[in-house]
Amino acid sequence: MDLHERTLYQAILITACLIGCCLIIFMAIMVRLHRRYVRLQQNRTEVEIAIMEKERLRIASDLHDDLGPLVSAIRFQLEEIEPATDEDHLLLEKSRKHLDHIHERLRVIAHDLLPAVLIRKGATDAIVAFIHAAQESFPVKINLTVNPLPPLSQQQSIQLFRMVQEIVHNTARHARASKLDIHFFVKDKLVHLYGVDDGCGFHEHIINNSRHSGRGLYQLYHRAELLGGSFYLTTSPGKGTSITITFPAKSIDTHE
């Protein structure tokens, strides 16, 4: 190899090394930007869910502390009215029934927003109470299997309760299912939540669309991610839907 060829070879080698270094730097920057984007998305999700839970608490408090007593006061005032005619009596009876219905709906809505039992006794008792109420409201037969859970933090309890709520509501509204099985337990320091229905199922593109909508199934994904867990869904048209969620079972944070 003469001097010219050796010089050309060295130039090509240096150029290749420079290109390789540029590619490595470019890939490193892309990976860093992607990780930053993921962190920002996670932070955004945490903030959105925290704001949503705070707003639910505020609305539940308003319903329970303000509107509930107001409806009760109106109901009491109606009891003090002496109807002059049979028509007045029927009108008062209808008004009382409407107020009773409004009062019951306020109670149910406030309970769904933030059940008092969730704060007092934890996720398991709140979920059992929710399933019992849902069974009376929805045509789907819900089979709940609960294994003892360790004490969970309030954050974990709320998110677990919300995920069960979301599974039940999605099944009742969209799945056209006759049966829904829900099971949650702890194994290998992980909380496992399973939801399986015998409904109509759906195509995979609906899952992708839900991820962009920020609603429904993607809420489950967000909540699992918020707890440092994972979300898996298996479905196909006519074959029902199976949801698996796992997240680390951390002990109660005494500073919460």
C-alpha atoms as a PDB file:
ATOM      1  CA  MET A   1       0.000   0.000   0.000  1.00  0.00           C
ATOM      2  CA  ASP A   2       1.592   3.264  -1.150  1.00  0.00           C
ATOM      3  CA  LEU A   3       1.425   6.558   0.739  1.00  0.00           C
ATOM      4  CA  HIS A   4      -1.597   7.834  -1.192  1.00  0.00           C
ATOM      5  CA  GLU A   5      -3.650   4.696  -0.534  1.00  0.00           C
ATOM      6  CA  ARG A   6      -2.655   4.678   3.126  1.00  0.00           C
ATOM      7  CA  THR A   7      -3.644   8.336   3.487  1.00  0.00           C
ATOM      8  CA  LEU A   8      -6.991   7.654   1.774  1.00  0.00           C
ATOM      9  CA  TYR A   9      -7.599   4.632   4.007  1.00  0.00           C
ATOM     10  CA  GLN A  10      -6.855   6.676   7.144  1.00  0.00           C
ATOM     11  CA  ALA A  11      -9.190   9.449   5.951  1.00  0.00           C
ATOM     12  CA  ILE A  12     -11.991   6.946   5.359  1.00  0.00           C
ATOM     13  CA  LEU A  13     -11.374   5.351   8.762  1.00  0.00           C
ATOM     14  CA  ILE A  14     -11.418   8.735  10.524  1.00  0.00           C
ATOM     15  CA  THR A  15     -14.589   9.709   8.671  1.00  0.00           C
ATOM     16  CA  ALA A  16     -16.246   6.433   9.628  1.00  0.00           C
ATOM     17  CA  CYS A  17     -15.241   6.920  13.261  1.00  0.00           C
ATOM     18  CA  LEU A  18     -16.624  10.460  13.237  1.00  0.00           C
ATOM     19  CA  ILE A  19     -19.890   9.272  11.692  1.00  0.00           C
ATOM     20  CA  GLY A  20     -20.077   6.468  14.271  1.00  0.00           C
ATOM     21  CA  CYS A  21     -19.441   8.904  17.122  1.00  0.00           C
ATOM     22  CA  CYS A  22     -22.098  11.263  15.757  1.00  0.00           C
ATOM     23  CA  LEU A  23     -24.588   8.395  15.538  1.00  0.00           C
ATOM     24  CA  ILE A  24     -23.806   7.310  19.109  1.00  0.00           C
ATOM     25  CA  ILE A  25     -24.197  10.878  20.369  1.00  0.00           C
ATOM     26  CA  PHE A  26     -27.434  11.259  18.389  1.00  0.00           C
ATOM     27  CA  MET A  27     -28.839   8.013  19.791  1.00  0.00           C
ATOM     28  CA  ALA A  28     -27.819   8.988  23.317  1.00  0.00           C
ATOM     29  CA  ILE A  29     -29.581  12.335  22.908  1.00  0.00           C
ATOM     30  CA  MET A  30     -32.701  10.630  21.538  1.00  0.00           C
ATOM     31  CA  VAL A  31     -32.755   8.142  24.426  1.00  0.00           C
ATOM     32  CA  ARG A  32     -32.315  10.975  26.915  1.00  0.00           C
ATOM     33  CA  LEU A  33     -35.092  13.008  25.282  1.00  0.00           C
ATOM     34  CA  HIS A  34     -37.371   9.967  25.247  1.00  0.00           C
ATOM     35  CA  ARG A  35     -36.746   9.301  28.931  1.00  0.00           C
ATOM     36  CA  ARG A  36     -37.403  12.945  29.684  1.00  0.00           C
ATOM     37  CA  TYR A  37     -40.634  12.783  27.673  1.00  0.00           C
ATOM     38  CA  VAL A  38     -41.722   9.647  29.561  1.00  0.00           C
ATOM     39  CA  ARG A  39     -40.977  11.327  32.905  1.00  0.00           C
ATOM     40  CA  LEU A  40     -42.930  14.415  31.876  1.00  0.00           C
ATOM     41  CA  GLN A  41     -45.854  12.245  30.781  1.00  0.00           C
ATOM     42  CA  GLN A  42     -45.766  10.361  34.076  1.00  0.00           C
ATOM     43  CA  ASN A  43     -45.617  13.615  36.037  1.00  0.00           C
ATOM     44  CA  ARG A  44     -48.512  14.976  33.992  1.00  0.00           C
ATOM     45  CA  THR A  45     -50.514  11.811  34.660  1.00  0.00           C
ATOM     46  CA  GLU A  46     -49.825  12.034  38.396  1.00  0.00           C
ATOM     47  CA  VAL A  47     -50.906  15.672  38.484  1.00  0.00           C
ATOM     48  CA  GLU A  48     -54.064  14.995  36.457  1.00  0.00           C
ATOM     49  CA  ILE A  49     -55.116  12.088  38.645  1.00  0.00           C
ATOM     50  CA  ALA A  50     -54.295  13.999  41.836  1.00  0.00           C
ATOM     51  CA  ILE A  51     -56.405  16.950  40.636  1.00  0.00           C
ATOM     52  CA  MET A  52     -59.222  14.613  39.661  1.00  0.00           C
ATOM     53  CA  GLU A  53     -59.221  12.905  43.062  1.00  0.00           C
ATOM     54  CA  LYS A  54     -59.115  16.262  44.837  1.00  0.00           C
ATOM     55  CA  GLU A  55     -62.057  17.499  42.777  1.00  0.00           C
ATOM     56  CA  ARG A  56     -63.995  14.310  43.488  1.00  0.00           C
ATOM     57  CA  LEU A  57     -63.399  14.819  47.199  1.00  0.00           C
ATOM     58  CA  ARG A  58     -64.601  18.420  46.970  1.00  0.00           C
ATOM     59  CA  ILE A  59     -67.748  17.478  45.036  1.00  0.00           C
ATOM     60  CA  ALA A  60     -68.495  14.573  47.383  1.00  0.00           C
ATOM     61  CA  SER A  61     -68.145  16.907  50.372  1.00  0.00           C
ATOM     62  CA  ASP A  62     -70.421  19.502  48.753  1.00  0.00           C
ATOM     63  CA  LEU A  63     -73.067  16.876  47.999  1.00  0.00           C
ATOM     64  CA  HIS A  64     -72.899  15.419  51.493  1.00  0.00           C
ATOM     65  CA  ASP A  65     -72.524  18.605  53.529  1.00  0.00           C
ATOM     66  CA  ASP A  66     -74.543  21.133  51.496  1.00  0.00           C
ATOM     67  CA  LEU A  67     -77.062  19.625  49.089  1.00  0.00           C
ATOM     68  CA  GLY A  68     -77.949  16.627  51.256  1.00  0.00           C
ATOM     69  CA  PRO A  69     -79.049  18.701  54.292  1.00  0.00           C
ATOM     70  CA  LEU A  70     -80.817  21.181  51.987  1.00  0.00           C
ATOM     71  CA  VAL A  71     -82.925  18.421  50.422  1.00  0.00           C
ATOM     72  CA  SER A  72     -83.688  17.032  53.881  1.00  0.00           C
ATOM     73  CA  ALA A  73     -84.765  20.501  55.074  1.00  0.00           C
ATOM     74  CA  ILE A  74     -87.111  20.921  52.102  1.00  0.00           C
ATOM     75  CA  ARG A  75     -88.521  17.444  52.749  1.00  0.00           C
ATOM     76  CA  PHE A  76     -89.159  18.392  56.394  1.00  0.00           C
ATOM     77  CA  GLN A  77     -90.860  21.645  55.370  1.00  0.00           C
ATOM     78  CA  LEU A  78     -93.173  19.763  53.022  1.00  0.00           C
ATOM     79  CA  GLU A  79     -94.244  17.582  55.946  1.00  0.00           C
ATOM     80  CA  GLU A  80     -95.451  20.736  57.722  1.00  0.00           C
ATOM     81  CA  ILE A  81     -97.789  21.730  54.881  1.00  0.00           C
ATOM     82  CA  GLU A  82    -101.460  20.838  55.325  1.00  0.00           C
ATOM     83  CA  PRO A  83    -102.992  20.127  51.905  1.00  0.00           C
ATOM     84  CA  ALA A  84    -106.326  21.855  51.326  1.00  0.00           C
ATOM     85  CA  THR A  85    -107.551  19.492  48.629  1.00  0.00           C
ATOM     86  CA  ASP A  86    -106.957  15.954  47.378  1.00  0.00           C
ATOM     87  CA  GLU A  87    -105.095  17.412  44.412  1.00  0.00           C
ATOM     88  CA  ASP A  88    -102.771  19.258  46.783  1.00  0.00           C
ATOM     89  CA  HIS A  89    -102.237  16.050  48.747  1.00  0.00           C
ATOM     90  CA  LEU A  90    -101.268  14.142  45.583  1.00  0.00           C
ATOM     91  CA  LEU A  91     -98.953  16.963  44.525  1.00  0.00           C
ATOM     92  CA  LEU A  92     -97.226  16.930  47.912  1.00  0.00           C
ATOM     93  CA  GLU A  93     -96.816  13.147  47.784  1.00  0.00           C
ATOM     94  CA  LYS A  94     -95.216  13.376  44.346  1.00  0.00           C
ATOM     95  CA  SER A  95     -92.908  16.140  45.564  1.00  0.00           C
ATOM     96  CA  ARG A  96     -91.864  14.061  48.591  1.00  0.00           C
ATOM     97  CA  LYS A  97     -91.113  11.064  46.361  1.00  0.00           C
ATOM     98  CA  HIS A  98     -89.061  13.226  44.002  1.00  0.00           C
ATOM     99  CA  LEU A  99     -87.088  14.646  46.921  1.00  0.00           C
ATOM    100  CA  ASP A 100     -86.524  11.165  48.344  1.00  0.00           C
ATOM    101  CA  HIS A 101     -85.236  10.055  44.955  1.00  0.00           C
ATOM    102  CA  ILE A 102     -82.955  13.117  44.694  1.00  0.00           C
ATOM    103  CA  HIS A 103     -81.627  12.488  48.207  1.00  0.00           C
ATOM    104  CA  GLU A 104     -80.878   8.849  47.393  1.00  0.00           C
ATOM    105  CA  ARG A 105     -79.163   9.776  44.125  1.00  0.00           C
ATOM    106  CA  LEU A 106     -77.030  12.375  45.943  1.00  0.00           C
ATOM    107  CA  ARG A 107     -76.024   9.723  48.463  1.00  0.00           C
ATOM    108  CA  VAL A 108     -75.101   7.223  45.726  1.00  0.00           C
ATOM    109  CA  ILE A 109     -73.151   9.803  43.695  1.00  0.00           C
ATOM    110  CA  ALA A 110     -71.259  11.032  46.759  1.00  0.00           C
ATOM    111  CA  HIS A 111     -70.474   7.426  47.684  1.00  0.00           C
ATOM    112  CA  ASP A 112     -69.153   6.666  44.181  1.00  0.00           C
ATOM    113  CA  LEU A 113     -67.018   9.807  44.186  1.00  0.00           C
ATOM    114  CA  LEU A 114     -65.338   8.940  47.476  1.00  0.00           C
ATOM    115  CA  PRO A 115     -66.833   6.251  49.730  1.00  0.00           C
ATOM    116  CA  ALA A 116     -66.410   7.031  53.416  1.00  0.00           C
ATOM    117  CA  VAL A 117     -65.627   3.360  54.043  1.00  0.00           C
ATOM    118  CA  LEU A 118     -62.592   3.685  51.739  1.00  0.00           C
ATOM    119  CA  ILE A 119     -61.036   6.211  54.107  1.00  0.00           C
ATOM    120  CA  ARG A 120     -62.167   4.459  57.302  1.00  0.00           C
ATOM    121  CA  LYS A 121     -61.558   0.793  56.506  1.00  0.00           C
ATOM    122  CA  GLY A 122     -59.528   0.611  53.295  1.00  0.00           C
ATOM    123  CA  ALA A 123     -59.870  -0.694  49.748  1.00  0.00           C
ATOM    124  CA  THR A 124     -61.235  -4.178  50.424  1.00  0.00           C
ATOM    125  CA  ASP A 125     -64.326  -3.111  52.377  1.00  0.00           C
ATOM    126  CA  ALA A 126     -64.963  -0.229  49.959  1.00  0.00           C
ATOM    127  CA  ILE A 127     -64.767  -2.536  46.937  1.00  0.00           C
ATOM    128  CA  VAL A 128     -67.085  -5.114  48.540  1.00  0.00           C
ATOM    129  CA  ALA A 129     -69.633  -2.363  49.268  1.00  0.00           C
ATOM    130  CA  PHE A 130     -69.284  -0.954  45.749  1.00  0.00           C
ATOM    131  CA  ILE A 131     -69.768  -4.351  44.105  1.00  0.00           C
ATOM    132  CA  HIS A 132     -72.852  -4.971  46.236  1.00  0.00           C
ATOM    133  CA  ALA A 133     -74.354  -1.636  45.121  1.00  0.00           C
ATOM    134  CA  ALA A 134     -73.306  -2.155  41.488  1.00  0.00           C
ATOM    135  CA  GLN A 135     -74.947  -5.576  41.432  1.00  0.00           C
ATOM    136  CA  GLU A 136     -78.274  -3.887  42.152  1.00  0.00           C
ATOM    137  CA  SER A 137     -77.752  -1.215  39.491  1.00  0.00           C
ATOM    138  CA  PHE A 138     -76.269  -3.166  36.565  1.00  0.00           C
ATOM    139  CA  PRO A 139     -77.600  -6.290  34.800  1.00  0.00           C
ATOM    140  CA  VAL A 140     -74.159  -7.952  34.810  1.00  0.00           C
ATOM    141  CA  LYS A 141     -73.642 -10.700  37.396  1.00  0.00           C
ATOM    142  CA  ILE A 142     -70.474  -9.748  39.268  1.00  0.00           C
ATOM    143  CA  ASN A 143     -68.472 -12.436  41.048  1.00  0.00           C
ATOM    144  CA  LEU A 144     -65.952 -10.926  43.465  1.00  0.00           C
ATOM    145  CA  THR A 145     -63.166 -13.016  44.994  1.00  0.00           C
ATOM    146  CA  VAL A 146     -61.055 -11.288  47.625  1.00  0.00           C
ATOM    147  CA  ASN A 147     -57.967 -12.620  49.355  1.00  0.00           C
ATOM    148  CA  PRO A 148     -56.648 -10.778  52.430  1.00  0.00           C
ATOM    149  CA  LEU A 149     -54.576  -7.721  51.530  1.00  0.00           C
ATOM    150  CA  PRO A 150     -51.815  -6.196  53.624  1.00  0.00           C
ATOM    151  CA  PRO A 151     -52.357  -2.618  54.826  1.00  0.00           C
ATOM    152  CA  LEU A 152     -52.060  -0.386  51.769  1.00  0.00           C
ATOM    153  CA  SER A 153     -51.259   3.294  51.609  1.00  0.00           C
ATOM    154  CA  GLN A 154     -54.178   5.637  51.023  1.00  0.00           C
ATOM    155  CA  GLN A 155     -52.871   6.297  47.508  1.00  0.00           C
ATOM    156  CA  GLN A 156     -52.813   2.586  46.695  1.00  0.00           C
ATOM    157  CA  SER A 157     -56.241   2.025  48.250  1.00  0.00           C
ATOM    158  CA  ILE A 158     -57.806   4.828  46.229  1.00  0.00           C
ATOM    159  CA  GLN A 159     -56.223   3.705  42.959  1.00  0.00           C
ATOM    160  CA  LEU A 160     -57.198   0.055  43.501  1.00  0.00           C
ATOM    161  CA  PHE A 161     -60.782   1.101  44.236  1.00  0.00           C
ATOM    162  CA  ARG A 162     -60.881   3.353  41.150  1.00  0.00           C
ATOM    163  CA  MET A 163     -59.550   0.579  38.919  1.00  0.00           C
ATOM    164  CA  VAL A 164     -62.250  -1.834  40.105  1.00  0.00           C
ATOM    165  CA  GLN A 165     -64.827   0.929  39.514  1.00  0.00           C
ATOM    166  CA  GLU A 166     -63.512   1.464  35.991  1.00  0.00           C
ATOM    167  CA  ILE A 167     -63.584  -2.246  35.151  1.00  0.00           C
ATOM    168  CA  VAL A 168     -67.174  -2.593  36.383  1.00  0.00           C
ATOM    169  CA  HIS A 169     -68.389   0.548  34.583  1.00  0.00           C
ATOM    170  CA  ASN A 170     -66.642  -0.367  31.314  1.00  0.00           C
ATOM    171  CA  THR A 171     -68.145  -3.856  31.413  1.00  0.00           C
ATOM    172  CA  ALA A 172     -71.653  -2.651  32.278  1.00  0.00           C
ATOM    173  CA  ARG A 173     -71.682   0.097  29.637  1.00  0.00           C
ATOM    174  CA  HIS A 174     -69.832  -1.415  26.699  1.00  0.00           C
ATOM    175  CA  ALA A 175     -69.206  -5.161  26.985  1.00  0.00           C
ATOM    176  CA  ARG A 176     -72.802  -6.468  26.726  1.00  0.00           C
ATOM    177  CA  ALA A 177     -71.638  -9.155  29.160  1.00  0.00           C
ATOM    178  CA  SER A 178     -73.755 -11.409  31.376  1.00  0.00           C
ATOM    179  CA  LYS A 179     -70.936 -12.167  33.827  1.00  0.00           C
ATOM    180  CA  LEU A 180     -67.906 -10.366  35.240  1.00  0.00           C
ATOM    181  CA  ASP A 181     -65.347 -12.033  37.502  1.00  0.00           C
ATOM    182  CA  ILE A 182     -63.120  -9.798  39.634  1.00  0.00           C
ATOM    183  CA  HIS A 183     -60.321 -11.169  41.758  1.00  0.00           C
ATOM    184  CA  PHE A 184     -57.538  -9.427  43.645  1.00  0.00           C
ATOM    185  CA  PHE A 185     -54.825 -10.714  45.974  1.00  0.00           C
ATOM    186  CA  VAL A 186     -51.170 -10.268  46.938  1.00  0.00           C
ATOM    187  CA  LYS A 187     -48.431 -12.611  45.744  1.00  0.00           C
ATOM    188  CA  ASP A 188     -44.655 -12.083  45.695  1.00  0.00           C
ATOM    189  CA  LYS A 189     -45.139  -8.582  47.168  1.00  0.00           C
ATOM    190  CA  LEU A 190     -47.345  -7.594  44.224  1.00  0.00           C
ATOM    191  CA  VAL A 191     -51.038  -6.738  44.259  1.00  0.00           C
ATOM    192  CA  HIS A 192     -52.760  -8.639  41.434  1.00  0.00           C
ATOM    193  CA  LEU A 193     -56.107  -7.469  40.061  1.00  0.00           C
ATOM    194  CA  TYR A 194     -57.965  -9.535  37.467  1.00  0.00           C
ATOM    195  CA  GLY A 195     -61.176  -8.677  35.637  1.00  0.00           C
ATOM    196  CA  VAL A 196     -62.674 -11.134  33.132  1.00  0.00           C
ATOM    197  CA  ASP A 197     -66.022 -10.795  31.347  1.00  0.00           C
ATOM    198  CA  ASP A 198     -67.899 -12.894  28.789  1.00  0.00           C
ATOM    199  CA  GLY A 199     -68.943  -9.908  26.686  1.00  0.00           C
ATOM    200  CA  CYS A 200     -68.600  -8.934  23.059  1.00  0.00           C
ATOM    201  CA  GLY A 201     -64.895  -7.996  23.165  1.00  0.00           C
ATOM    202  CA  PHE A 202     -63.413  -5.573  20.636  1.00  0.00           C
ATOM    203  CA  HIS A 203     -60.603  -4.975  18.137  1.00  0.00           C
ATOM    204  CA  GLU A 204     -57.112  -3.869  19.135  1.00  0.00           C
ATOM    205  CA  HIS A 205     -57.422  -0.471  17.410  1.00  0.00           C
ATOM    206  CA  ILE A 206     -60.019   0.520  20.021  1.00  0.00           C
ATOM    207  CA  ILE A 207     -57.337   0.063  22.699  1.00  0.00           C
ATOM    208  CA  ASN A 208     -55.011   2.389  20.800  1.00  0.00           C
ATOM    209  CA  ASN A 209     -57.765   4.967  20.374  1.00  0.00           C
ATOM    210  CA  SER A 210     -58.561   4.827  24.080  1.00  0.00           C
ATOM    211  CA  ARG A 211     -54.948   5.664  24.876  1.00  0.00           C
ATOM    212  CA  HIS A 212     -55.311   8.932  23.029  1.00  0.00           C
ATOM    213  CA  SER A 213     -58.683   9.769  24.532  1.00  0.00           C
ATOM    214  CA  GLY A 214     -57.474   9.731  28.146  1.00  0.00           C
ATOM    215  CA  ARG A 215     -60.625   7.884  29.186  1.00  0.00           C
ATOM    216  CA  GLY A 216     -61.867   4.380  29.870  1.00  0.00           C
ATOM    217  CA  LEU A 217     -59.228   1.733  29.405  1.00  0.00           C
ATOM    218  CA  TYR A 218     -56.381   4.211  29.343  1.00  0.00           C
ATOM    219  CA  GLN A 219     -57.423   5.434  32.783  1.00  0.00           C
ATOM    220  CA  LEU A 220     -56.626   1.928  33.999  1.00  0.00           C
ATOM    221  CA  TYR A 221     -53.261   2.076  32.251  1.00  0.00           C
ATOM    222  CA  HIS A 222     -52.532   5.485  33.809  1.00  0.00           C
ATOM    223  CA  ARG A 223     -53.454   4.372  37.324  1.00  0.00           C
ATOM    224  CA  ALA A 224     -51.373   1.187  37.101  1.00  0.00           C
ATOM    225  CA  GLU A 225     -48.433   3.233  35.820  1.00  0.00           C
ATOM    226  CA  LEU A 226     -48.895   5.739  38.634  1.00  0.00           C
ATOM    227  CA  LEU A 227     -48.440   2.907  41.152  1.00  0.00           C
ATOM    228  CA  GLY A 228     -45.319   1.635  39.378  1.00  0.00           C
ATOM    229  CA  GLY A 229     -47.230  -1.345  38.027  1.00  0.00           C
ATOM    230  CA  SER A 230     -48.298  -2.879  34.729  1.00  0.00           C
ATOM    231  CA  PHE A 231     -51.521  -3.205  32.751  1.00  0.00           C
ATOM    232  CA  TYR A 232     -52.336  -6.049  30.355  1.00  0.00           C
ATOM    233  CA  LEU A 233     -55.483  -6.498  28.289  1.00  0.00           C
ATOM    234  CA  THR A 234     -56.538  -9.464  26.163  1.00  0.00           C
ATOM    235  CA  THR A 235     -59.615  -9.266  23.951  1.00  0.00           C
ATOM    236  CA  SER A 236     -61.046 -10.060  20.552  1.00  0.00           C
ATOM    237  CA  PRO A 237     -64.510  -9.696  19.019  1.00  0.00           C
ATOM    238  CA  GLY A 238     -66.974 -12.158  20.518  1.00  0.00           C
ATOM    239  CA  LYS A 239     -64.522 -13.577  23.068  1.00  0.00           C
ATOM    240  CA  GLY A 240     -64.827 -11.247  26.033  1.00  0.00           C
ATOM    241  CA  THR A 241     -62.169  -9.165  27.709  1.00  0.00           C
ATOM    242  CA  SER A 242     -59.513 -10.043  30.272  1.00  0.00           C
ATOM    243  CA  ILE A 243     -57.666  -7.351  32.253  1.00  0.00           C
ATOM    244  CA  THR A 244     -54.640  -7.959  34.466  1.00  0.00           C
ATOM    245  CA  ILE A 245     -53.128  -5.230  36.644  1.00  0.00           C
ATOM    246  CA  THR A 246     -50.196  -5.650  39.030  1.00  0.00           C
ATOM    247  CA  PHE A 247     -48.376  -3.167  41.227  1.00  0.00           C
ATOM    248  CA  PRO A 248     -45.978  -3.347  44.221  1.00  0.00           C
ATOM    249  CA  ALA A 249     -47.682  -3.810  47.592  1.00  0.00           C
ATOM    250  CA  LYS A 250     -45.999  -1.160  49.708  1.00  0.00           C
ATOM    251  CA  SER A 251     -46.777  -0.759  53.382  1.00  0.00           C
ATOM    252  CA  ILE A 252     -48.647   2.241  54.734  1.00  0.00           C
ATOM    253  CA  ASP A 253     -46.681   5.467  54.693  1.00  0.00           C
ATOM    254  CA  THR A 254     -47.118   6.891  58.172  1.00  0.00           C
ATOM    255  CA  HIS A 255     -46.317  10.390  56.900  1.00  0.00           C
ATOM    256  CA  GLU A 256     -49.283  10.499  54.531  1.00  0.00           C
END
